[in-house]
């Protein structure tokens, strides 16, 4: 159990480029749904603003559904997910 009440069953792939790391979270279970996320983040400046999402998908009834990151309706969802993603990335980075 995660401190935000999130059960994480995640595999991460990290590729390091200087202080920026690429990440691929194959599955993260949250109170908002189940997501697959990829992007990069600056581990030397671990803030929500340092996360750049390349792709975000949500598990739908028929499989993964790509979310439109620019849609206003998805903006609030993404803003709610970013602190959870940051916490997870920091946890995984400190374990490496």
PDB file of N, CA and C in Angstrom:
ATOM      1  N   UNK A   1       0.841  -1.173   0.000  1.00  0.00           N
ATOM      2  CA  UNK A   1       0.000   0.000   0.000  1.00  0.00           C
ATOM      3  C   UNK A   1       0.891   1.242   0.000  1.00  0.00           C
ATOM      4  N   UNK A   2       0.577   2.193  -0.818  1.00  0.00           N
ATOM      5  CA  UNK A   2       1.346   3.416  -0.963  1.00  0.00           C
ATOM      6  C   UNK A   2       0.751   4.483  -0.058  1.00  0.00           C
ATOM      7  N   UNK A   3       1.500   5.518   0.292  1.00  0.00           N
ATOM      8  CA  UNK A   3       1.027   6.495   1.258  1.00  0.00           C
ATOM      9  C   UNK A   3      -0.219   7.249   0.791  1.00  0.00           C
ATOM     10  N   UNK A   4      -0.479   7.307  -0.492  1.00  0.00           N
ATOM     11  CA  UNK A   4      -1.677   7.962  -1.010  1.00  0.00           C
ATOM     12  C   UNK A   4      -2.809   6.959  -1.199  1.00  0.00           C
ATOM     13  N   UNK A   5      -2.663   5.765  -0.633  1.00  0.00           N
ATOM     14  CA  UNK A   5      -3.684   4.748  -0.785  1.00  0.00           C
ATOM     15  C   UNK A   5      -3.686   4.118  -2.165  1.00  0.00           C
ATOM     16  N   UNK A   6      -2.559   4.150  -2.815  1.00  0.00           N
ATOM     17  CA  UNK A   6      -2.462   3.636  -4.183  1.00  0.00           C
ATOM     18  C   UNK A   6      -1.714   2.313  -4.144  1.00  0.00           C
ATOM     19  N   UNK A   7      -2.270   1.349  -4.788  1.00  0.00           N
ATOM     20  CA  UNK A   7      -1.556   0.087  -4.941  1.00  0.00           C
ATOM     21  C   UNK A   7      -0.770   0.176  -6.235  1.00  0.00           C
ATOM     22  N   UNK A   8       0.524  -0.036  -6.122  1.00  0.00           N
ATOM     23  CA  UNK A   8       1.382   0.103  -7.295  1.00  0.00           C
ATOM     24  C   UNK A   8       1.846  -1.266  -7.765  1.00  0.00           C
ATOM     25  N   UNK A   9       1.567  -1.547  -8.998  1.00  0.00           N
ATOM     26  CA  UNK A   9       2.166  -2.726  -9.630  1.00  0.00           C
ATOM     27  C   UNK A   9       2.821  -2.217 -10.894  1.00  0.00           C
ATOM     28  N   UNK A  10       4.050  -1.767 -10.735  1.00  0.00           N
ATOM     29  CA  UNK A  10       4.688  -0.980 -11.780  1.00  0.00           C
ATOM     30  C   UNK A  10       6.039  -1.568 -12.162  1.00  0.00           C
ATOM     31  N   UNK A  11       6.288  -1.525 -13.453  1.00  0.00           N
ATOM     32  CA  UNK A  11       7.624  -1.826 -13.957  1.00  0.00           C
ATOM     33  C   UNK A  11       8.135  -0.543 -14.590  1.00  0.00           C
ATOM     34  N   UNK A  12       9.335  -0.157 -14.210  1.00  0.00           N
ATOM     35  CA  UNK A  12       9.911   1.076 -14.755  1.00  0.00           C
ATOM     36  C   UNK A  12      11.120   0.769 -15.615  1.00  0.00           C
ATOM     37  N   UNK A  13      11.200   1.487 -16.690  1.00  0.00           N
ATOM     38  CA  UNK A  13      12.387   1.432 -17.528  1.00  0.00           C
ATOM     39  C   UNK A  13      13.014   2.821 -17.480  1.00  0.00           C
ATOM     40  N   UNK A  14      14.230   2.901 -17.000  1.00  0.00           N
ATOM     41  CA  UNK A  14      14.922   4.178 -16.927  1.00  0.00           C
ATOM     42  C   UNK A  14      16.054   4.221 -17.945  1.00  0.00           C
ATOM     43  N   UNK A  15      16.111   5.281 -18.687  1.00  0.00           N
ATOM     44  CA  UNK A  15      17.250   5.567 -19.548  1.00  0.00           C
ATOM     45  C   UNK A  15      17.738   6.948 -19.139  1.00  0.00           C
ATOM     46  N   UNK A  16      18.961   7.046 -18.724  1.00  0.00           N
ATOM     47  CA  UNK A  16      19.461   8.297 -18.173  1.00  0.00           C
ATOM     48  C   UNK A  16      20.157   9.135 -19.231  1.00  0.00           C
ATOM     49  N   UNK A  17      19.790  10.430 -19.281  1.00  0.00           N
ATOM     50  CA  UNK A  17      20.436  11.419 -20.153  1.00  0.00           C
ATOM     51  C   UNK A  17      20.801  12.602 -19.274  1.00  0.00           C
ATOM     52  N   UNK A  18      22.013  12.645 -18.764  1.00  0.00           N
ATOM     53  CA  UNK A  18      22.392  13.736 -17.877  1.00  0.00           C
ATOM     54  C   UNK A  18      21.566  13.689 -16.613  1.00  0.00           C
ATOM     55  N   UNK A  19      20.873  14.782 -16.295  1.00  0.00           N
ATOM     56  CA  UNK A  19      20.021  14.829 -15.107  1.00  0.00           C
ATOM     57  C   UNK A  19      18.571  14.499 -15.437  1.00  0.00           C
ATOM     58  N   UNK A  20      18.298  14.209 -16.683  1.00  0.00           N
ATOM     59  CA  UNK A  20      16.932  13.884 -17.099  1.00  0.00           C
ATOM     60  C   UNK A  20      16.857  12.383 -17.348  1.00  0.00           C
ATOM     61  N   UNK A  21      15.821  11.773 -16.799  1.00  0.00           N
ATOM     62  CA  UNK A  21      15.609  10.347 -17.015  1.00  0.00           C
ATOM     63  C   UNK A  21      14.308  10.132 -17.758  1.00  0.00           C
ATOM     64  N   UNK A  22      14.368   9.250 -18.742  1.00  0.00           N
ATOM     65  CA  UNK A  22      13.150   8.789 -19.394  1.00  0.00           C
ATOM     66  C   UNK A  22      12.515   7.757 -18.482  1.00  0.00           C
ATOM     67  N   UNK A  23      11.195   7.708 -18.452  1.00  0.00           N
ATOM     68  CA  UNK A  23      10.534   6.688 -17.665  1.00  0.00           C
ATOM     69  C   UNK A  23       9.366   6.098 -18.435  1.00  0.00           C
ATOM     70  N   UNK A  24       9.057   4.871 -18.102  1.00  0.00           N
ATOM     71  CA  UNK A  24       7.907   4.178 -18.666  1.00  0.00           C
ATOM     72  C   UNK A  24       7.263   3.398 -17.525  1.00  0.00           C
ATOM     73  N   UNK A  25       6.125   3.850 -17.073  1.00  0.00           N
ATOM     74  CA  UNK A  25       5.386   3.155 -16.026  1.00  0.00           C
ATOM     75  C   UNK A  25       4.327   2.328 -16.736  1.00  0.00           C
ATOM     76  N   UNK A  26       4.523   1.026 -16.720  1.00  0.00           N
ATOM     77  CA  UNK A  26       3.649   0.142 -17.501  1.00  0.00           C
ATOM     78  C   UNK A  26       2.265  -0.009 -16.886  1.00  0.00           C
ATOM     79  N   UNK A  27       2.144   0.251 -15.585  1.00  0.00           N
ATOM     80  CA  UNK A  27       0.830   0.141 -14.951  1.00  0.00           C
ATOM     81  C   UNK A  27       0.907   0.767 -13.569  1.00  0.00           C
ATOM     82  N   UNK A  28       0.040   1.743 -13.325  1.00  0.00           N
ATOM     83  CA  UNK A  28      -0.067   2.340 -11.996  1.00  0.00           C
ATOM     84  C   UNK A  28      -1.552   2.393 -11.639  1.00  0.00           C
ATOM     85  N   UNK A  29      -1.886   1.776 -10.523  1.00  0.00           N
ATOM     86  CA  UNK A  29      -3.275   1.755 -10.045  1.00  0.00           C
ATOM     87  C   UNK A  29      -3.471   2.918  -9.081  1.00  0.00           C
ATOM     88  N   UNK A  30      -4.437   3.782  -9.370  1.00  0.00           N
ATOM     89  CA  UNK A  30      -4.713   4.935  -8.522  1.00  0.00           C
ATOM     90  C   UNK A  30      -6.208   4.996  -8.222  1.00  0.00           C
ATOM     91  N   UNK A  31      -6.572   5.921  -7.358  1.00  0.00           N
ATOM     92  CA  UNK A  31      -7.989   6.169  -7.081  1.00  0.00           C
ATOM     93  C   UNK A  31      -8.703   6.738  -8.307  1.00  0.00           C
ATOM     94  N   UNK A  32      -7.939   7.240  -9.269  1.00  0.00           N
ATOM     95  CA  UNK A  32      -8.501   7.838 -10.478  1.00  0.00           C
ATOM     96  C   UNK A  32      -8.643   6.848 -11.623  1.00  0.00           C
ATOM     97  N   UNK A  33      -8.052   5.673 -11.472  1.00  0.00           N
ATOM     98  CA  UNK A  33      -8.076   4.660 -12.513  1.00  0.00           C
ATOM     99  C   UNK A  33      -6.722   3.990 -12.638  1.00  0.00           C
ATOM    100  N   UNK A  34      -6.581   3.173 -13.654  1.00  0.00           N
ATOM    101  CA  UNK A  34      -5.336   2.466 -13.939  1.00  0.00           C
ATOM    102  C   UNK A  34      -4.706   3.122 -15.162  1.00  0.00           C
ATOM    103  N   UNK A  35      -3.427   3.494 -15.044  1.00  0.00           N
ATOM    104  CA  UNK A  35      -2.771   4.266 -16.096  1.00  0.00           C
ATOM    105  C   UNK A  35      -1.472   3.628 -16.540  1.00  0.00           C
ATOM    106  N   UNK A  36      -1.110   3.927 -17.778  1.00  0.00           N
ATOM    107  CA  UNK A  36       0.204   3.618 -18.351  1.00  0.00           C
ATOM    108  C   UNK A  36       0.762   4.964 -18.801  1.00  0.00           C
ATOM    109  N   UNK A  37       1.973   5.294 -18.335  1.00  0.00           N
ATOM    110  CA  UNK A  37       2.514   6.636 -18.535  1.00  0.00           C
ATOM    111  C   UNK A  37       3.974   6.552 -18.979  1.00  0.00           C
ATOM    112  N   UNK A  38       4.348   7.426 -19.906  1.00  0.00           N
ATOM    113  CA  UNK A  38       5.757   7.557 -20.280  1.00  0.00           C
ATOM    114  C   UNK A  38       6.100   9.027 -20.415  1.00  0.00           C
ATOM    115  N   UNK A  39       7.371   9.316 -20.240  1.00  0.00           N
ATOM    116  CA  UNK A  39       7.829  10.699 -20.346  1.00  0.00           C
ATOM    117  C   UNK A  39       9.238  10.833 -19.828  1.00  0.00           C
ATOM    118  N   UNK A  40       9.569  12.022 -19.334  1.00  0.00           N
ATOM    119  CA  UNK A  40      10.868  12.218 -18.695  1.00  0.00           C
ATOM    120  C   UNK A  40      10.694  13.153 -17.515  1.00  0.00           C
ATOM    121  N   UNK A  41      11.696  13.110 -16.642  1.00  0.00           N
ATOM    122  CA  UNK A  41      11.676  13.957 -15.449  1.00  0.00           C
ATOM    123  C   UNK A  41      13.102  14.275 -15.041  1.00  0.00           C
ATOM    124  N   UNK A  42      13.272  15.382 -14.346  1.00  0.00           N
ATOM    125  CA  UNK A  42      14.587  15.810 -13.874  1.00  0.00           C
ATOM    126  C   UNK A  42      14.722  15.381 -12.425  1.00  0.00           C
ATOM    127  N   UNK A  43      15.534  14.339 -12.180  1.00  0.00           N
ATOM    128  CA  UNK A  43      15.666  13.832 -10.822  1.00  0.00           C
ATOM    129  C   UNK A  43      16.490  14.749  -9.926  1.00  0.00           C
ATOM    130  N   UNK A  44      17.237  15.678 -10.497  1.00  0.00           N
ATOM    131  CA  UNK A  44      17.988  16.653  -9.697  1.00  0.00           C
ATOM    132  C   UNK A  44      17.101  17.803  -9.240  1.00  0.00           C
ATOM    133  N   UNK A  45      15.939  17.937  -9.866  1.00  0.00           N
ATOM    134  CA  UNK A  45      14.954  18.960  -9.508  1.00  0.00           C
ATOM    135  C   UNK A  45      13.594  18.271  -9.396  1.00  0.00           C
ATOM    136  N   UNK A  46      13.407  17.451  -8.326  1.00  0.00           N
ATOM    137  CA  UNK A  46      12.201  16.627  -8.236  1.00  0.00           C
ATOM    138  C   UNK A  46      10.957  17.429  -7.850  1.00  0.00           C
ATOM    139  N   UNK A  47      10.370  18.045  -8.830  1.00  0.00           N
ATOM    140  CA  UNK A  47       9.131  18.793  -8.657  1.00  0.00           C
ATOM    141  C   UNK A  47       8.160  18.358  -9.741  1.00  0.00           C
ATOM    142  N   UNK A  48       6.879  18.557  -9.476  1.00  0.00           N
ATOM    143  CA  UNK A  48       5.853  18.190 -10.454  1.00  0.00           C
ATOM    144  C   UNK A  48       6.143  18.836 -11.797  1.00  0.00           C
ATOM    145  N   UNK A  49       6.645  20.064 -11.763  1.00  0.00           N
ATOM    146  CA  UNK A  49       6.928  20.793 -12.998  1.00  0.00           C
ATOM    147  C   UNK A  49       8.065  20.171 -13.807  1.00  0.00           C
ATOM    148  N   UNK A  50       8.857  19.315 -13.176  1.00  0.00           N
ATOM    149  CA  UNK A  50       9.978  18.689 -13.891  1.00  0.00           C
ATOM    150  C   UNK A  50       9.539  17.455 -14.687  1.00  0.00           C
ATOM    151  N   UNK A  51       8.275  17.052 -14.554  1.00  0.00           N
ATOM    152  CA  UNK A  51       7.766  15.891 -15.286  1.00  0.00           C
ATOM    153  C   UNK A  51       7.187  16.347 -16.617  1.00  0.00           C
ATOM    154  N   UNK A  52       7.654  15.713 -17.674  1.00  0.00           N
ATOM    155  CA  UNK A  52       7.122  15.969 -19.004  1.00  0.00           C
ATOM    156  C   UNK A  52       6.522  14.660 -19.518  1.00  0.00           C
ATOM    157  N   UNK A  53       5.207  14.650 -19.704  1.00  0.00           N
ATOM    158  CA  UNK A  53       4.531  13.438 -20.158  1.00  0.00           C
ATOM    159  C   UNK A  53       4.595  13.322 -21.675  1.00  0.00           C
ATOM    160  N   UNK A  54       5.025  12.178 -22.133  1.00  0.00           N
ATOM    161  CA  UNK A  54       5.019  11.887 -23.564  1.00  0.00           C
ATOM    162  C   UNK A  54       3.694  11.234 -23.941  1.00  0.00           C
ATOM    163  N   UNK A  55       3.271  10.289 -23.121  1.00  0.00           N
ATOM    164  CA  UNK A  55       2.049   9.538 -23.397  1.00  0.00           C
ATOM    165  C   UNK A  55       1.381   9.159 -22.076  1.00  0.00           C
ATOM    166  N   UNK A  56       0.059   9.227 -22.064  1.00  0.00           N
ATOM    167  CA  UNK A  56      -0.700   8.776 -20.902  1.00  0.00           C
ATOM    168  C   UNK A  56      -1.936   8.041 -21.413  1.00  0.00           C
ATOM    169  N   UNK A  57      -2.107   6.831 -20.908  1.00  0.00           N
ATOM    170  CA  UNK A  57      -3.227   5.993 -21.299  1.00  0.00           C
ATOM    171  C   UNK A  57      -3.960   5.535 -20.049  1.00  0.00           C
ATOM    172  N   UNK A  58      -5.255   5.339 -20.184  1.00  0.00           N
ATOM    173  CA  UNK A  58      -6.075   4.846 -19.085  1.00  0.00           C
ATOM    174  C   UNK A  58      -6.656   3.496 -19.503  1.00  0.00           C
ATOM    175  N   UNK A  59      -6.800   2.606 -18.536  1.00  0.00           N
ATOM    176  CA  UNK A  59      -7.385   1.300 -18.828  1.00  0.00           C
ATOM    177  C   UNK A  59      -8.895   1.475 -18.949  1.00  0.00           C
ATOM    178  N   UNK A  60      -9.389   1.175 -20.133  1.00  0.00           N
ATOM    179  CA  UNK A  60     -10.824   1.223 -20.380  1.00  0.00           C
ATOM    180  C   UNK A  60     -11.399  -0.185 -20.356  1.00  0.00           C
ATOM    181  N   UNK A  61     -12.659  -0.321 -20.645  1.00  0.00           N
ATOM    182  CA  UNK A  61     -13.293  -1.637 -20.636  1.00  0.00           C
ATOM    183  C   UNK A  61     -12.770  -2.537 -21.749  1.00  0.00           C
ATOM    184  N   UNK A  62     -12.239  -1.944 -22.824  1.00  0.00           N
ATOM    185  CA  UNK A  62     -11.710  -2.722 -23.941  1.00  0.00           C
ATOM    186  C   UNK A  62     -10.194  -2.629 -24.072  1.00  0.00           C
ATOM    187  N   UNK A  63      -9.516  -2.195 -23.038  1.00  0.00           N
ATOM    188  CA  UNK A  63      -8.057  -2.084 -23.086  1.00  0.00           C
ATOM    189  C   UNK A  63      -7.594  -0.650 -22.875  1.00  0.00           C
ATOM    190  N   UNK A  64      -6.345  -0.390 -23.253  1.00  0.00           N
ATOM    191  CA  UNK A  64      -5.745   0.929 -23.052  1.00  0.00           C
ATOM    192  C   UNK A  64      -6.336   1.964 -24.002  1.00  0.00           C
ATOM    193  N   UNK A  65      -6.639   3.142 -23.440  1.00  0.00           N
ATOM    194  CA  UNK A  65      -7.190   4.258 -24.213  1.00  0.00           C
ATOM    195  C   UNK A  65      -6.264   5.458 -24.028  1.00  0.00           C
ATOM    196  N   UNK A  66      -5.744   5.974 -25.138  1.00  0.00           N
ATOM    197  CA  UNK A  66      -4.857   7.129 -25.099  1.00  0.00           C
ATOM    198  C   UNK A  66      -5.643   8.370 -24.691  1.00  0.00           C
ATOM    199  N   UNK A  67      -5.111   9.099 -23.710  1.00  0.00           N
ATOM    200  CA  UNK A  67      -5.751  10.344 -23.284  1.00  0.00           C
ATOM    201  C   UNK A  67      -5.168  11.520 -24.059  1.00  0.00           C
ATOM    202  N   UNK A  68      -6.035  12.442 -24.429  1.00  0.00           N
ATOM    203  CA  UNK A  68      -5.607  13.679 -25.068  1.00  0.00           C
ATOM    204  C   UNK A  68      -5.091  14.598 -23.967  1.00  0.00           C
ATOM    205  N   UNK A  69      -3.768  14.816 -23.925  1.00  0.00           N
ATOM    206  CA  UNK A  69      -3.161  15.616 -22.857  1.00  0.00           C
ATOM    207  C   UNK A  69      -3.588  17.079 -22.905  1.00  0.00           C
ATOM    208  N   UNK A  70      -4.032  17.565 -24.065  1.00  0.00           N
ATOM    209  CA  UNK A  70      -4.391  18.978 -24.194  1.00  0.00           C
ATOM    210  C   UNK A  70      -5.870  19.235 -23.933  1.00  0.00           C
ATOM    211  N   UNK A  71      -6.641  18.182 -23.789  1.00  0.00           N
ATOM    212  CA  UNK A  71      -8.070  18.339 -23.527  1.00  0.00           C
ATOM    213  C   UNK A  71      -8.287  18.957 -22.147  1.00  0.00           C
ATOM    214  N   UNK A  72      -9.164  19.938 -22.076  1.00  0.00           N
ATOM    215  CA  UNK A  72      -9.444  20.605 -20.811  1.00  0.00           C
ATOM    216  C   UNK A  72     -10.005  19.632 -19.780  1.00  0.00           C
ATOM    217  N   UNK A  73     -10.818  18.696 -20.233  1.00  0.00           N
ATOM    218  CA  UNK A  73     -11.410  17.734 -19.300  1.00  0.00           C
ATOM    219  C   UNK A  73     -10.367  16.783 -18.717  1.00  0.00           C
ATOM    220  N   UNK A  74      -9.282  16.535 -19.446  1.00  0.00           N
ATOM    221  CA  UNK A  74      -8.228  15.659 -18.935  1.00  0.00           C
ATOM    222  C   UNK A  74      -7.170  16.410 -18.138  1.00  0.00           C
ATOM    223  N   UNK A  75      -7.139  17.723 -18.260  1.00  0.00           N
ATOM    224  CA  UNK A  75      -6.115  18.523 -17.572  1.00  0.00           C
ATOM    225  C   UNK A  75      -6.176  18.363 -16.062  1.00  0.00           C
ATOM    226  N   UNK A  76      -7.366  18.373 -15.499  1.00  0.00           N
ATOM    227  CA  UNK A  76      -7.503  18.235 -14.045  1.00  0.00           C
ATOM    228  C   UNK A  76      -7.068  16.843 -13.597  1.00  0.00           C
ATOM    229  N   UNK A  77      -7.438  15.834 -14.362  1.00  0.00           N
ATOM    230  CA  UNK A  77      -7.023  14.469 -14.056  1.00  0.00           C
ATOM    231  C   UNK A  77      -5.500  14.349 -14.059  1.00  0.00           C
ATOM    232  N   UNK A  78      -4.868  14.887 -15.070  1.00  0.00           N
ATOM    233  CA  UNK A  78      -3.404  14.837 -15.170  1.00  0.00           C
ATOM    234  C   UNK A  78      -2.774  15.607 -14.019  1.00  0.00           C
ATOM    235  N   UNK A  79      -3.313  16.775 -13.689  1.00  0.00           N
ATOM    236  CA  UNK A  79      -2.788  17.554 -12.563  1.00  0.00           C
ATOM    237  C   UNK A  79      -2.901  16.794 -11.253  1.00  0.00           C
ATOM    238  N   UNK A  80      -3.960  16.005 -11.094  1.00  0.00           N
ATOM    239  CA  UNK A  80      -4.118  15.192  -9.885  1.00  0.00           C
ATOM    240  C   UNK A  80      -3.143  14.016  -9.870  1.00  0.00           C
ATOM    241  N   UNK A  81      -2.791  13.506 -11.041  1.00  0.00           N
ATOM    242  CA  UNK A  81      -1.875  12.359 -11.138  1.00  0.00           C
ATOM    243  C   UNK A  81      -0.409  12.745 -10.965  1.00  0.00           C
ATOM    244  N   UNK A  82      -0.028  13.935 -11.367  1.00  0.00           N
ATOM    245  CA  UNK A  82       1.383  14.330 -11.361  1.00  0.00           C
ATOM    246  C   UNK A  82       2.063  14.167  -9.998  1.00  0.00           C
ATOM    247  N   UNK A  83       1.462  14.595  -8.883  1.00  0.00           N
ATOM    248  CA  UNK A  83       2.136  14.384  -7.589  1.00  0.00           C
ATOM    249  C   UNK A  83       2.331  12.903  -7.262  1.00  0.00           C
ATOM    250  N   UNK A  84       1.389  12.065  -7.675  1.00  0.00           N
ATOM    251  CA  UNK A  84       1.516  10.629  -7.447  1.00  0.00           C
ATOM    252  C   UNK A  84       2.642  10.041  -8.286  1.00  0.00           C
ATOM    253  N   UNK A  85       2.743  10.498  -9.530  1.00  0.00           N
ATOM    254  CA  UNK A  85       3.828  10.040 -10.403  1.00  0.00           C
ATOM    255  C   UNK A  85       5.181  10.479  -9.852  1.00  0.00           C
ATOM    256  N   UNK A  86       5.256  11.718  -9.392  1.00  0.00           N
ATOM    257  CA  UNK A  86       6.507  12.230  -8.826  1.00  0.00           C
ATOM    258  C   UNK A  86       6.926  11.405  -7.613  1.00  0.00           C
ATOM    259  N   UNK A  87       5.990  11.119  -6.727  1.00  0.00           N
ATOM    260  CA  UNK A  87       6.308  10.301  -5.549  1.00  0.00           C
ATOM    261  C   UNK A  87       6.840   8.936  -5.954  1.00  0.00           C
ATOM    262  N   UNK A  88       6.203   8.344  -6.933  1.00  0.00           N
ATOM    263  CA  UNK A  88       6.649   7.033  -7.397  1.00  0.00           C
ATOM    264  C   UNK A  88       8.033   7.103  -8.033  1.00  0.00           C
ATOM    265  N   UNK A  89       8.258   8.093  -8.872  1.00  0.00           N
ATOM    266  CA  UNK A  89       9.555   8.231  -9.526  1.00  0.00           C
ATOM    267  C   UNK A  89      10.668   8.455  -8.507  1.00  0.00           C
ATOM    268  N   UNK A  90      10.402   9.260  -7.504  1.00  0.00           N
ATOM    269  CA  UNK A  90      11.396   9.513  -6.463  1.00  0.00           C
ATOM    270  C   UNK A  90      11.694   8.222  -5.693  1.00  0.00           C
ATOM    271  N   UNK A  91      10.675   7.467  -5.386  1.00  0.00           N
ATOM    272  CA  UNK A  91      10.846   6.204  -4.678  1.00  0.00           C
ATOM    273  C   UNK A  91      11.702   5.243  -5.484  1.00  0.00           C
ATOM    274  N   UNK A  92      11.398   5.106  -6.772  1.00  0.00           N
ATOM    275  CA  UNK A  92      12.152   4.197  -7.631  1.00  0.00           C
ATOM    276  C   UNK A  92      13.578   4.694  -7.842  1.00  0.00           C
ATOM    277  N   UNK A  93      13.758   6.020  -7.956  1.00  0.00           N
ATOM    278  CA  UNK A  93      15.105   6.573  -8.162  1.00  0.00           C
ATOM    279  C   UNK A  93      15.974   6.345  -6.946  1.00  0.00           C
ATOM    280  N   UNK A  94      15.420   6.495  -5.755  1.00  0.00           N
ATOM    281  CA  UNK A  94      16.214   6.311  -4.541  1.00  0.00           C
ATOM    282  C   UNK A  94      16.576   4.840  -4.327  1.00  0.00           C
ATOM    283  N   UNK A  95      15.813   3.922  -4.927  1.00  0.00           N
ATOM    284  CA  UNK A  95      16.094   2.494  -4.789  1.00  0.00           C
ATOM    285  C   UNK A  95      17.158   2.020  -5.767  1.00  0.00           C
ATOM    286  N   UNK A  96      17.476   2.850  -6.773  1.00  0.00           N
ATOM    287  CA  UNK A  96      18.451   2.451  -7.803  1.00  0.00           C
ATOM    288  C   UNK A  96      19.850   2.611  -7.305  1.00  0.00           C
TER     289      UNK A  96
END
